[in-house]
Amino acid sequence: IIVFPQGLLHFQVNGGGTPALAFPSFSSPSPGLQILDFALFENNLATELIAQTTFLDAAQIKKLKGVLGGTI
């Protein structure tokens, strides 16, 4: 069993050689959706913070923030 708190960015990868089975359950009748690109780059998070949590360098992050409307 894996529980993700509401609003936490996450992803799952099936590393096995067999199909995976999931039973999602949501705490709301109308669950939301966050697109990772916009969540990371269309914001005012510090470029250094994003660089520490991704494999991107500062130049790439600033370019993506410029395209997606984030604060550089």
C-alpha atoms as a PDB file:
ATOM      1  CA  ILE A   1       0.000   0.000   0.000  1.00  0.00           C
ATOM      2  CA  ILE A   2       1.291   3.444  -0.937  1.00  0.00           C
ATOM      3  CA  VAL A   3      -0.401   6.619   0.317  1.00  0.00           C
ATOM      4  CA  PHE A   4       0.344   9.984  -1.291  1.00  0.00           C
ATOM      5  CA  PRO A   5      -0.720  13.135   0.572  1.00  0.00           C
ATOM      6  CA  GLN A   6      -3.000  15.460  -1.383  1.00  0.00           C
ATOM      7  CA  GLY A   7      -0.985  17.856  -3.543  1.00  0.00           C
ATOM      8  CA  LEU A   8       2.267  15.881  -3.372  1.00  0.00           C
ATOM      9  CA  LEU A   9       3.957  15.546  -6.756  1.00  0.00           C
ATOM     10  CA  HIS A  10       4.712  11.889  -7.406  1.00  0.00           C
ATOM     11  CA  PHE A  11       5.063   9.264 -10.102  1.00  0.00           C
ATOM     12  CA  GLN A  12       5.145   5.491 -10.200  1.00  0.00           C
ATOM     13  CA  VAL A  13       7.182   3.096 -12.316  1.00  0.00           C
ATOM     14  CA  ASN A  14       6.467  -0.589 -12.705  1.00  0.00           C
ATOM     15  CA  GLY A  15       9.973  -2.046 -12.571  1.00  0.00           C
ATOM     16  CA  GLY A  16       8.776  -5.627 -12.766  1.00  0.00           C
ATOM     17  CA  GLY A  17       8.280  -7.777 -15.807  1.00  0.00           C
ATOM     18  CA  THR A  18       4.589  -8.359 -15.119  1.00  0.00           C
ATOM     19  CA  PRO A  19       1.582  -6.034 -15.363  1.00  0.00           C
ATOM     20  CA  ALA A  20       0.860  -3.935 -12.276  1.00  0.00           C
ATOM     21  CA  LEU A  21      -2.533  -3.557 -10.633  1.00  0.00           C
ATOM     22  CA  ALA A  22      -3.637  -0.345  -8.915  1.00  0.00           C
ATOM     23  CA  PHE A  23      -6.714   0.582  -6.896  1.00  0.00           C
ATOM     24  CA  PRO A  24      -6.662   4.379  -6.667  1.00  0.00           C
ATOM     25  CA  SER A  25      -8.787   6.093  -4.044  1.00  0.00           C
ATOM     26  CA  PHE A  26      -9.247   9.833  -3.675  1.00  0.00           C
ATOM     27  CA  SER A  27     -10.342  11.987  -0.739  1.00  0.00           C
ATOM     28  CA  SER A  28     -12.578  14.113  -2.966  1.00  0.00           C
ATOM     29  CA  PRO A  29     -15.313  13.299  -5.479  1.00  0.00           C
ATOM     30  CA  SER A  30     -13.541  15.604  -7.955  1.00  0.00           C
ATOM     31  CA  PRO A  31      -9.792  14.921  -7.677  1.00  0.00           C
ATOM     32  CA  GLY A  32      -7.415  17.388  -9.292  1.00  0.00           C
ATOM     33  CA  LEU A  33      -4.548  16.986 -11.673  1.00  0.00           C
ATOM     34  CA  GLN A  34      -1.168  18.695 -11.706  1.00  0.00           C
ATOM     35  CA  ILE A  35       1.030  18.671 -14.777  1.00  0.00           C
ATOM     36  CA  LEU A  36       4.633  18.346 -13.621  1.00  0.00           C
ATOM     37  CA  ASP A  37       6.079  20.812 -16.133  1.00  0.00           C
ATOM     38  CA  PHE A  38       3.813  23.606 -14.940  1.00  0.00           C
ATOM     39  CA  ALA A  39       4.126  22.660 -11.266  1.00  0.00           C
ATOM     40  CA  LEU A  40       7.935  22.936 -11.422  1.00  0.00           C
ATOM     41  CA  PHE A  41       8.479  25.811 -13.847  1.00  0.00           C
ATOM     42  CA  GLU A  42       5.360  28.048 -13.817  1.00  0.00           C
ATOM     43  CA  ASN A  43       5.958  29.346 -10.297  1.00  0.00           C
ATOM     44  CA  ASN A  44       8.171  31.544  -8.157  1.00  0.00           C
ATOM     45  CA  LEU A  45      10.283  28.753  -6.634  1.00  0.00           C
ATOM     46  CA  ALA A  46      13.975  29.592  -6.553  1.00  0.00           C
ATOM     47  CA  THR A  47      15.942  28.214  -9.494  1.00  0.00           C
ATOM     48  CA  GLU A  48      18.533  26.820  -7.067  1.00  0.00           C
ATOM     49  CA  LEU A  49      15.837  24.843  -5.218  1.00  0.00           C
ATOM     50  CA  ILE A  50      14.554  23.269  -8.431  1.00  0.00           C
ATOM     51  CA  ALA A  51      18.134  22.482  -9.514  1.00  0.00           C
ATOM     52  CA  GLN A  52      18.736  20.638  -6.229  1.00  0.00           C
ATOM     53  CA  THR A  53      15.621  18.479  -6.673  1.00  0.00           C
ATOM     54  CA  THR A  54      16.014  17.693 -10.398  1.00  0.00           C
ATOM     55  CA  PHE A  55      18.843  16.734 -12.743  1.00  0.00           C
ATOM     56  CA  LEU A  56      18.621  20.084 -14.548  1.00  0.00           C
ATOM     57  CA  ASP A  57      21.156  22.892 -14.402  1.00  0.00           C
ATOM     58  CA  ALA A  58      20.239  26.520 -13.705  1.00  0.00           C
ATOM     59  CA  ALA A  59      20.383  27.539 -17.388  1.00  0.00           C
ATOM     60  CA  GLN A  60      17.876  24.837 -18.393  1.00  0.00           C
ATOM     61  CA  ILE A  61      15.550  25.758 -15.531  1.00  0.00           C
ATOM     62  CA  LYS A  62      15.632  29.467 -16.418  1.00  0.00           C
ATOM     63  CA  LYS A  63      14.858  28.617 -20.052  1.00  0.00           C
ATOM     64  CA  LEU A  64      11.866  26.465 -19.046  1.00  0.00           C
ATOM     65  CA  LYS A  65      10.621  29.123 -16.615  1.00  0.00           C
ATOM     66  CA  GLY A  66      10.835  31.680 -19.430  1.00  0.00           C
ATOM     67  CA  VAL A  67       8.761  29.488 -21.745  1.00  0.00           C
ATOM     68  CA  LEU A  68       6.164  28.518 -19.125  1.00  0.00           C
ATOM     69  CA  GLY A  69       5.853  31.903 -17.406  1.00  0.00           C
ATOM     70  CA  GLY A  70       7.646  31.245 -14.140  1.00  0.00           C
ATOM     71  CA  THR A  71       9.651  33.790 -12.202  1.00  0.00           C
ATOM     72  CA  ILE A  72      13.338  33.558 -13.093  1.00  0.00           C
END
